[in-house]
Amino acid sequence: MKMFKKILIANRGEIALRVIRTCKEMGINTVAVYSTADADSLHVRFADEAVCIGPAKSADSYLNIPNIIAAAEITNADAIHPGYGFLSENAKFSRICEENGIKFIGASPEMIDRMGDKASAKSTMEAAGVPVVPGSPGLLKDLADAKATAKKIVYPVMIKATAGGGGKGMRVVWSEDEMEEHWNSARQESAAAFGNDGMYMEKFIEEPRHIEIQIAGDKFGDACHMSERDCSIQRRHQKLVEETPSPFMTADLRKRMGAASVKAAKAVKYEGVGTVEFLVDKNRDFYFMEMNTRIQVEHTITEEVINFDLIKEQIKLAAGHKMSGKNYEPKMHSIQCRINAEDPFNGFRPSPGKITTYHEPGGHGVRIDTHVYANYIIPPHYDSMISKLIVVAQTREEAIKKMERALDEYIVEGIKSTIPFHQQLLQDEKFREGDFTTKFMETFVIKEK
């Protein structure tokens, strides 16, 4: 079966290095691209070739499609892996790769368009019989339409930007008296952030858990799920800690959510590795939220509990191979802590700069995905995540203890990091009991150092 000869990784940091590692194990040559700020990053060092694609600013480098395509052409790369973020779910980039005879290791432009627009994705899932949050049938026409729709759904409701992400253009409305103010501010924020002020509405789910299902599908119409990940510990809609299996999960719920995810993948003839994200309420009723047509930051914990290389599967599926995965249930418990260059005692303020001392934890069941090292300078231009600390153990209790031990061993000096936050989180009684929702961080108090 055909396989790629050379893959260009259109990303940076730990995910670029993660892809390079799997490519090397598969005998595939790699090309790293980098901005001037990332010249000393490990993904540049360990790729077979490296091409500078512009200055530090993302718009001039990692989002610069002409420069990335040119780098692929001059190195004769026959495929591009976009990682996550940046251009990973950019339909235009996927289409340009296609037009230039370069395989985009991700979704087709049509699939990205279909699943990237939240209103379109919801109607597609509803037609496929996947549970969706009650809401508007499409985009809201105006304020009057918003008020009428809210009466049908019953307050509280949430208005959302159709082109939104990261919590922008999103408002919870508890009564009709609040609607006009929230409607206007959400539209203005969405227009400024995305150039699109289109809004839709959903029932606001109380006490929600954010649980996602890992899926894979091939060009032959087959699809599978690889169990769930609980991503409920979030701050401003940004995930902080992920784990699998979810402490909220039951065998019946996993079976139903897994079946719904496979149904979703088959309904859109999904090819590649992706994720179906759900909100699950206190009664364990679940509702489709969105489909991510890329690898996720937290793919690591799924790999640990099912012993399966998701990047390898992603590359094989893009090359046209039959799916090698199957429906999985986790056999162990894995937790991932995102270690960010941020000061948790100062509102999680970013803390770029030079890492003067760096020591990674080790031992059985401990994994680190990172691109940093002692004397590495963290640039201020990109996401503040510097590593992902992953542990795997037989039970959740053992995994928590292992993570505590690993965090105690983890030394990052010269900058502020979120290690102290994670240490406090793991000692929280509610967290240890698995009793948390997406609102957990709204009441969690970080103690003094």
Protein backbone atom coordinates (compact mmCIF):
# COMPACT_ATOMS: atom_id res chain seq x y z
CA MET A 1 0.00 0.00 0.00
CA LYS A 2 1.21 3.47 -0.90
CA MET A 3 2.80 5.59 1.84
CA PHE A 4 4.13 9.15 1.89
CA LYS A 5 7.85 9.66 1.29
CA LYS A 6 8.18 13.06 2.96
CA ILE A 7 5.85 14.97 5.28
CA LEU A 8 6.13 18.68 6.05
CA ILE A 9 4.82 19.58 9.52
CA ALA A 10 3.08 22.95 9.32
CA ASN A 11 3.26 23.64 13.04
CA ARG A 12 5.66 24.23 15.91
CA GLY A 13 6.53 23.11 19.42
CA GLU A 14 5.61 19.80 21.00
CA ILE A 15 3.02 18.73 18.38
CA ALA A 16 5.55 19.21 15.56
CA LEU A 17 8.05 17.08 17.48
CA ARG A 18 5.33 14.50 18.21
CA VAL A 19 4.56 14.10 14.50
CA ILE A 20 8.27 13.92 13.60
CA ARG A 21 8.78 11.03 16.04
CA THR A 22 6.03 8.91 14.50
CA CYS A 23 7.18 9.73 10.95
CA LYS A 24 10.70 8.53 11.79
CA GLU A 25 9.31 5.28 13.18
CA MET A 26 7.35 4.82 9.94
CA GLY A 27 10.42 5.52 7.77
CA ILE A 28 9.01 8.80 6.45
CA ASN A 29 11.31 11.81 5.96
CA THR A 30 10.27 15.05 7.66
CA VAL A 31 10.44 18.77 7.00
CA ALA A 32 10.11 21.28 9.82
CA VAL A 33 9.01 24.84 9.16
CA TYR A 34 9.81 27.56 11.66
CA SER A 35 9.64 31.25 12.33
CA THR A 36 12.72 33.26 13.23
CA ALA A 37 11.60 33.08 16.88
CA ASP A 38 11.68 29.27 16.77
CA ALA A 39 15.09 28.73 15.21
CA ASP A 40 16.31 26.94 18.36
CA SER A 41 13.22 24.78 18.90
CA LEU A 42 13.68 21.02 19.08
CA HIS A 43 11.35 20.27 16.16
CA VAL A 44 13.79 22.16 13.93
CA ARG A 45 16.72 20.14 15.25
CA PHE A 46 15.15 16.71 14.89
CA ALA A 47 13.47 17.02 11.49
CA ASP A 48 15.41 15.79 8.45
CA GLU A 49 15.10 19.23 6.84
CA ALA A 50 14.02 22.65 8.10
CA VAL A 51 12.81 25.75 6.28
CA CYS A 52 12.35 29.21 7.79
CA ILE A 53 8.97 30.54 6.66
CA GLY A 54 8.97 34.04 8.11
CA PRO A 55 9.28 36.32 11.14
CA ALA A 56 7.88 35.65 14.61
CA LYS A 57 4.34 36.89 14.01
CA SER A 58 2.04 33.92 13.25
CA ALA A 59 0.35 35.72 10.35
CA ASP A 60 3.74 36.03 8.66
CA SER A 61 4.90 32.46 9.34
CA TYR A 62 2.73 29.61 10.65
CA LEU A 63 -0.38 31.12 9.03
CA ASN A 64 1.42 32.15 5.83
CA ILE A 65 -0.02 29.67 3.32
CA PRO A 66 2.11 30.72 0.30
CA ASN A 67 5.33 30.33 2.31
CA ILE A 68 4.31 26.91 3.65
CA ILE A 69 3.35 25.64 0.19
CA ALA A 70 6.64 26.98 -1.19
CA ALA A 71 8.54 25.14 1.56
CA ALA A 72 6.74 21.91 0.64
CA GLU A 73 7.53 22.39 -3.05
CA ILE A 74 11.24 23.13 -2.64
CA THR A 75 11.69 20.11 -0.35
CA ASN A 76 9.50 17.83 -2.51
CA ALA A 77 7.19 16.99 0.38
CA ASP A 78 4.21 14.96 -0.80
CA ALA A 79 2.08 15.61 2.31
CA ILE A 80 1.54 18.26 4.99
CA HIS A 81 0.57 17.52 8.58
CA PRO A 82 -0.98 20.62 10.18
CA GLY A 83 -0.94 19.44 13.82
CA TYR A 84 -3.57 21.33 15.83
CA GLY A 85 -4.34 25.05 15.89
CA PHE A 86 -2.95 27.34 13.19
CA LEU A 87 -4.12 25.95 9.80
CA SER A 88 -5.32 22.53 10.97
CA GLU A 89 -8.99 23.32 10.32
CA ASN A 90 -8.56 25.87 7.54
CA ALA A 91 -10.58 24.85 4.49
CA LYS A 92 -8.69 27.24 2.24
CA PHE A 93 -5.35 25.66 3.20
CA SER A 94 -6.72 22.14 2.68
CA ARG A 95 -7.99 23.19 -0.76
CA ILE A 96 -4.69 24.82 -1.77
CA CYS A 97 -2.78 21.69 -0.75
CA GLU A 98 -5.14 19.67 -2.94
CA GLU A 99 -4.68 22.04 -5.88
CA ASN A 100 -0.90 21.73 -5.57
CA GLY A 101 -0.89 17.94 -5.49
CA ILE A 102 0.10 17.82 -1.79
CA LYS A 103 -1.91 15.58 0.55
CA PHE A 104 -3.35 17.46 3.51
CA ILE A 105 -3.28 15.10 6.50
CA GLY A 106 -6.62 16.19 7.82
CA ALA A 107 -10.15 16.74 6.62
CA SER A 108 -11.18 17.72 3.10
CA PRO A 109 -12.08 21.39 2.54
CA GLU A 110 -15.74 20.39 2.19
CA MET A 111 -15.66 18.51 5.51
CA ILE A 112 -13.95 21.41 7.30
CA ASP A 113 -16.56 23.85 5.95
CA ARG A 114 -19.39 21.53 6.89
CA MET A 115 -18.20 20.82 10.43
CA GLY A 116 -16.51 24.18 11.07
CA ASP A 117 -19.74 26.13 10.86
CA LYS A 118 -21.50 25.28 14.12
CA ALA A 119 -25.04 25.81 12.84
CA SER A 120 -24.37 23.61 9.79
CA ALA A 121 -22.71 20.92 11.92
CA LYS A 122 -25.66 20.83 14.30
CA SER A 123 -28.24 20.41 11.53
CA THR A 124 -26.11 17.65 9.95
CA MET A 125 -25.92 15.76 13.26
CA GLU A 126 -29.62 16.23 13.95
CA ALA A 127 -30.45 14.72 10.56
CA ALA A 128 -28.17 11.77 11.37
CA GLY A 129 -30.01 11.06 14.63
CA VAL A 130 -27.25 12.28 16.94
CA PRO A 131 -28.64 14.05 20.07
CA VAL A 132 -28.24 17.82 19.83
CA VAL A 133 -28.89 20.65 22.24
CA PRO A 134 -32.39 22.12 21.67
CA GLY A 135 -31.96 25.39 19.85
CA SER A 136 -32.64 27.58 16.85
CA PRO A 137 -33.01 25.75 13.52
CA GLY A 138 -30.38 28.02 11.99
CA LEU A 139 -29.00 31.52 12.35
CA LEU A 140 -31.16 34.02 14.20
CA LYS A 141 -32.56 36.79 12.00
CA ASP A 142 -32.70 39.58 14.58
CA LEU A 143 -33.41 40.42 18.21
CA ALA A 144 -37.13 39.66 17.87
CA ASP A 145 -36.31 36.21 16.47
CA ALA A 146 -33.91 35.65 19.37
CA LYS A 147 -36.60 36.48 21.94
CA ALA A 148 -39.21 34.29 20.24
CA THR A 149 -36.80 31.35 19.98
CA ALA A 150 -35.79 31.68 23.63
CA LYS A 151 -39.45 31.41 24.67
CA LYS A 152 -39.79 28.12 22.76
CA ILE A 153 -36.55 26.66 24.18
CA VAL A 154 -37.24 28.01 27.70
CA TYR A 155 -34.68 30.06 29.64
CA PRO A 156 -31.83 29.88 30.46
CA VAL A 157 -30.45 29.93 26.91
CA MET A 158 -27.07 30.57 25.35
CA ILE A 159 -26.47 32.71 22.28
CA LYS A 160 -23.38 31.73 20.31
CA ALA A 161 -21.41 33.06 17.35
CA THR A 162 -21.62 30.65 14.41
CA ALA A 163 -17.95 31.36 13.61
CA GLY A 164 -16.93 31.40 17.26
CA GLY A 165 -14.22 29.76 19.31
CA GLY A 166 -12.43 30.25 22.61
CA GLY A 167 -15.59 31.59 24.23
CA LYS A 168 -15.85 34.69 22.03
CA GLY A 169 -19.32 35.75 20.93
CA MET A 170 -20.97 33.58 23.60
CA ARG A 171 -23.46 34.74 26.27
CA VAL A 172 -25.77 33.03 28.78
CA VAL A 173 -29.17 34.73 28.99
CA TRP A 174 -31.31 33.94 32.04
CA SER A 175 -34.39 36.01 31.20
CA GLU A 176 -35.94 38.08 28.41
CA ASP A 177 -34.97 41.27 30.25
CA GLU A 178 -31.29 40.47 29.61
CA MET A 179 -31.62 39.44 25.96
CA GLU A 180 -31.11 42.77 24.19
CA GLU A 181 -27.93 43.67 26.07
CA HIS A 182 -26.33 40.24 25.56
CA TRP A 183 -27.48 40.02 21.93
CA ASN A 184 -25.79 43.32 21.04
CA SER A 185 -22.53 42.65 22.91
CA ALA A 186 -22.15 39.09 21.55
CA ARG A 187 -22.65 40.26 17.95
CA GLN A 188 -20.15 43.08 18.35
CA GLU A 189 -17.55 40.75 19.88
CA SER A 190 -18.06 38.13 17.16
CA ALA A 191 -17.80 40.70 14.36
CA ALA A 192 -14.54 42.05 15.81
CA ALA A 193 -13.00 38.61 16.38
CA PHE A 194 -14.19 36.67 13.32
CA GLY A 195 -15.56 39.20 10.83
CA ASN A 196 -18.94 37.47 11.16
CA ASP A 197 -21.76 38.46 13.54
CA GLY A 198 -24.05 35.52 12.74
CA MET A 199 -25.64 34.13 15.93
CA TYR A 200 -27.56 31.00 16.87
CA MET A 201 -29.15 29.87 20.13
CA GLU A 202 -29.10 26.76 22.31
CA LYS A 203 -30.62 25.62 25.56
CA PHE A 204 -28.17 26.35 28.38
CA ILE A 205 -27.11 23.03 29.92
CA GLU A 206 -26.83 23.24 33.69
CA GLU A 207 -24.07 21.34 35.55
CA PRO A 208 -22.45 20.30 32.26
CA ARG A 209 -19.52 17.96 31.75
CA HIS A 210 -17.41 18.37 28.60
CA ILE A 211 -16.84 14.84 27.33
CA GLU A 212 -15.39 14.09 23.92
CA ILE A 213 -15.15 10.84 21.97
CA GLN A 214 -12.10 10.01 19.84
CA ILE A 215 -13.11 8.75 16.40
CA ALA A 216 -11.42 7.49 13.24
CA GLY A 217 -12.80 6.82 9.78
CA ASP A 218 -11.46 5.61 6.44
CA LYS A 219 -12.28 6.19 2.79
CA PHE A 220 -14.09 2.85 2.65
CA GLY A 221 -16.86 4.13 4.90
CA ASP A 222 -15.78 2.38 8.08
CA ALA A 223 -15.53 4.23 11.40
CA CYS A 224 -14.83 3.49 15.04
CA HIS A 225 -14.58 5.22 18.40
CA MET A 226 -11.69 4.98 20.84
CA SER A 227 -13.51 5.84 24.05
CA GLU A 228 -13.92 9.15 25.85
CA ARG A 229 -11.94 11.96 27.42
CA ASP A 230 -13.26 14.22 30.17
CA CYS A 231 -12.19 17.81 29.48
CA SER A 232 -14.40 19.55 32.06
CA ILE A 233 -11.57 21.27 33.96
CA GLN A 234 -11.37 24.47 31.92
CA ARG A 235 -10.60 28.13 32.39
CA ARG A 236 -12.25 30.58 30.00
CA HIS A 237 -13.10 27.66 27.71
CA GLN A 238 -9.44 26.59 27.58
CA LYS A 239 -8.78 23.04 28.79
CA LEU A 240 -6.35 22.64 31.70
CA VAL A 241 -6.59 18.96 32.65
CA GLU A 242 -7.96 15.99 30.70
CA GLU A 243 -8.50 12.40 31.78
CA THR A 244 -9.78 9.07 30.55
CA PRO A 245 -11.94 7.33 31.44
CA SER A 246 -14.23 10.05 32.73
CA PRO A 247 -15.08 9.62 36.44
CA PHE A 248 -18.67 10.50 35.43
CA MET A 249 -18.90 7.73 32.81
CA THR A 250 -20.95 4.55 33.11
CA ALA A 251 -20.79 1.50 30.84
CA ASP A 252 -24.21 2.34 29.41
CA LEU A 253 -23.33 5.99 28.78
CA ARG A 254 -20.06 5.03 27.06
CA LYS A 255 -21.92 2.60 24.83
CA ARG A 256 -24.52 5.21 23.85
CA MET A 257 -22.01 8.04 23.30
CA GLY A 258 -19.67 5.77 21.37
CA ALA A 259 -22.48 4.62 19.09
CA ALA A 260 -23.61 8.22 18.51
CA SER A 261 -20.05 9.25 17.62
CA VAL A 262 -19.66 6.43 15.10
CA LYS A 263 -23.05 7.38 13.65
CA ALA A 264 -21.82 10.99 13.34
CA ALA A 265 -18.61 9.93 11.59
CA LYS A 266 -20.41 7.67 9.13
CA ALA A 267 -23.09 10.27 8.43
CA VAL A 268 -20.48 12.68 7.06
CA LYS A 269 -18.24 9.92 5.58
CA TYR A 270 -15.45 11.08 7.87
CA GLU A 271 -11.89 10.22 6.81
CA GLY A 272 -9.04 10.53 9.29
CA VAL A 273 -8.75 10.99 13.03
CA GLY A 274 -11.10 13.40 14.77
CA THR A 275 -13.17 14.09 17.85
CA VAL A 276 -16.89 14.41 18.53
CA GLU A 277 -17.46 16.72 21.49
CA PHE A 278 -20.50 16.53 23.75
CA LEU A 279 -22.02 18.32 26.70
CA VAL A 280 -23.36 15.85 29.27
CA ASP A 281 -25.83 17.09 31.87
CA LYS A 282 -26.33 15.98 35.46
CA ASN A 283 -28.83 13.32 34.31
CA ARG A 284 -26.24 11.86 31.89
CA ASP A 285 -28.18 13.08 28.87
CA PHE A 286 -25.65 14.07 26.22
CA TYR A 287 -25.79 16.59 23.40
CA PHE A 288 -23.56 17.10 20.35
CA MET A 289 -21.44 20.23 20.63
CA GLU A 290 -18.99 20.10 17.72
CA MET A 291 -16.74 17.88 15.64
CA ASN A 292 -13.02 18.63 15.54
CA THR A 293 -11.50 17.52 12.24
CA ARG A 294 -7.92 17.30 13.54
CA ILE A 295 -5.74 15.71 16.18
CA GLN A 296 -6.42 17.06 19.67
CA VAL A 297 -3.92 18.34 22.24
CA GLU A 298 -5.20 15.64 24.59
CA HIS A 299 -4.87 12.69 22.17
CA THR A 300 -2.03 11.49 24.40
CA ILE A 301 -4.20 10.08 27.18
CA THR A 302 -6.24 8.00 24.73
CA GLU A 303 -3.00 6.57 23.34
CA GLU A 304 -1.92 5.60 26.86
CA VAL A 305 -5.09 3.71 27.86
CA ILE A 306 -5.55 1.80 24.58
CA ASN A 307 -1.86 1.46 23.58
CA PHE A 308 -2.39 2.93 20.11
CA ASP A 309 -0.48 5.57 18.09
CA LEU A 310 -3.13 8.02 16.86
CA ILE A 311 -0.68 10.03 14.73
CA LYS A 312 0.36 6.86 12.93
CA GLU A 313 -3.27 5.99 12.30
CA GLN A 314 -3.91 9.53 11.05
CA ILE A 315 -1.06 9.29 8.54
CA LYS A 316 -2.12 5.82 7.35
CA LEU A 317 -5.73 6.91 6.84
CA ALA A 318 -4.57 9.97 4.86
CA ALA A 319 -2.51 7.63 2.64
CA GLY A 320 -5.66 5.65 1.86
CA HIS A 321 -5.17 2.64 4.12
CA LYS A 322 -8.05 0.80 5.75
CA MET A 323 -8.72 1.69 9.34
CA SER A 324 -6.74 -0.44 11.78
CA GLY A 325 -8.55 0.77 14.88
CA LYS A 326 -11.69 -0.65 16.48
CA ASN A 327 -14.18 0.37 19.15
CA TYR A 328 -12.15 0.56 22.35
CA GLU A 329 -12.78 0.70 26.07
CA PRO A 330 -10.03 2.12 28.28
CA LYS A 331 -8.17 -0.54 30.25
CA MET A 332 -6.27 1.86 32.50
CA HIS A 333 -6.59 5.47 33.71
CA SER A 334 -4.65 8.40 32.26
CA ILE A 335 -4.48 12.09 33.23
CA GLN A 336 -2.86 14.96 31.34
CA CYS A 337 -1.85 18.28 32.89
CA ARG A 338 -1.09 21.11 30.48
CA ILE A 339 1.99 22.92 31.76
CA ASN A 340 1.84 26.54 30.63
CA ALA A 341 4.31 29.40 30.96
CA GLU A 342 1.84 31.36 33.08
CA ASP A 343 1.73 32.70 36.61
CA PRO A 344 -1.23 31.02 38.39
CA PHE A 345 -0.83 33.41 41.35
CA ASN A 346 -1.30 36.43 39.07
CA GLY A 347 -4.38 35.61 37.03
CA PHE A 348 -2.52 33.12 34.83
CA ARG A 349 -0.57 35.94 33.27
CA PRO A 350 1.77 34.73 30.45
CA SER A 351 5.40 34.33 31.50
CA PRO A 352 7.67 34.13 28.44
CA GLY A 353 11.44 34.21 28.86
CA LYS A 354 14.45 31.99 29.42
CA ILE A 355 14.18 28.66 31.21
CA THR A 356 17.28 28.60 33.41
CA THR A 357 16.79 25.15 34.98
CA TYR A 358 14.77 22.29 33.56
CA HIS A 359 14.31 18.79 34.95
CA GLU A 360 11.62 16.38 33.75
CA PRO A 361 9.99 13.76 35.95
CA GLY A 362 10.39 10.12 34.97
CA GLY A 363 9.53 6.63 36.10
CA HIS A 364 6.96 4.04 35.15
CA GLY A 365 3.81 5.42 33.55
CA VAL A 366 5.07 9.00 33.13
CA ARG A 367 5.21 10.70 29.72
CA ILE A 368 6.31 14.21 28.76
CA ASP A 369 5.50 15.79 25.39
CA THR A 370 7.53 18.99 25.11
CA HIS A 371 9.87 21.03 22.95
CA VAL A 372 11.64 22.96 25.70
CA TYR A 373 14.94 22.44 27.55
CA ALA A 374 17.34 24.30 29.86
CA ASN A 375 18.29 27.70 28.39
CA TYR A 376 15.41 27.57 25.91
CA ILE A 377 13.79 30.99 25.45
CA ILE A 378 9.98 30.86 25.36
CA PRO A 379 8.84 33.40 22.76
CA PRO A 380 5.92 35.70 23.64
CA HIS A 381 4.24 35.28 20.25
CA TYR A 382 2.46 31.94 20.61
CA ASP A 383 0.34 29.78 22.89
CA SER A 384 1.86 29.56 26.36
CA MET A 385 1.83 25.76 26.66
CA ILE A 386 5.36 24.45 27.17
CA SER A 387 4.64 20.79 27.84
CA LYS A 388 2.06 18.11 28.47
CA LEU A 389 2.61 15.89 31.50
CA ILE A 390 0.81 12.56 31.14
CA VAL A 391 0.55 9.69 33.59
CA VAL A 392 -1.10 6.28 33.26
CA ALA A 393 -1.98 3.83 36.02
CA GLN A 394 -4.39 1.01 36.82
CA THR A 395 -6.93 3.21 38.63
CA ARG A 396 -7.86 6.90 38.90
CA GLU A 397 -6.61 7.02 42.49
CA GLU A 398 -3.24 5.62 41.45
CA ALA A 399 -3.07 8.03 38.49
CA ILE A 400 -3.68 11.02 40.77
CA LYS A 401 -0.94 9.88 43.15
CA LYS A 402 1.44 9.32 40.25
CA MET A 403 0.69 12.78 38.84
CA GLU A 404 1.34 14.35 42.25
CA ARG A 405 4.68 12.60 42.42
CA ALA A 406 5.57 13.64 38.85
CA LEU A 407 4.64 17.29 39.49
CA ASP A 408 6.85 17.28 42.61
CA GLU A 409 9.78 16.14 40.43
CA TYR A 410 9.11 18.63 37.64
CA ILE A 411 11.50 21.60 37.88
CA VAL A 412 11.05 24.62 35.59
CA GLU A 413 12.93 27.73 36.72
CA GLY A 414 13.51 31.15 35.17
CA ILE A 415 9.86 31.59 34.25
CA LYS A 416 6.54 31.10 36.04
CA SER A 417 4.64 27.90 35.27
CA THR A 418 1.29 26.32 36.12
CA ILE A 419 2.87 23.43 38.01
CA PRO A 420 1.80 24.90 41.42
CA PHE A 421 -1.78 25.22 40.16
CA HIS A 422 -1.91 21.55 39.18
CA GLN A 423 -0.46 20.54 42.55
CA GLN A 424 -3.25 22.41 44.34
CA LEU A 425 -5.92 21.11 41.96
CA LEU A 426 -5.00 17.48 42.62
CA GLN A 427 -5.42 18.04 46.36
CA ASP A 428 -8.93 19.46 45.94
CA GLU A 429 -11.53 17.19 47.50
CA LYS A 430 -14.12 17.72 44.75
CA PHE A 431 -11.58 16.92 42.03
CA ARG A 432 -10.39 13.79 43.83
CA GLU A 433 -14.00 12.63 44.10
CA GLY A 434 -14.57 13.27 40.40
CA ASP A 435 -17.30 15.75 41.35
CA PHE A 436 -16.78 18.63 38.91
CA THR A 437 -18.33 20.35 35.89
CA THR A 438 -17.12 22.89 33.34
CA LYS A 439 -17.86 25.54 36.00
CA PHE A 440 -15.28 24.11 38.44
CA MET A 441 -12.68 26.85 37.89
CA GLU A 442 -15.22 29.59 38.61
CA THR A 443 -15.14 28.66 42.31
CA PHE A 444 -11.69 27.06 42.65
CA VAL A 445 -9.47 29.31 44.75
CA ILE A 446 -5.71 29.20 44.20
CA LYS A 447 -4.00 29.57 47.55
CA GLU A 448 -0.86 31.59 48.07
CA LYS A 449 2.44 29.93 47.23
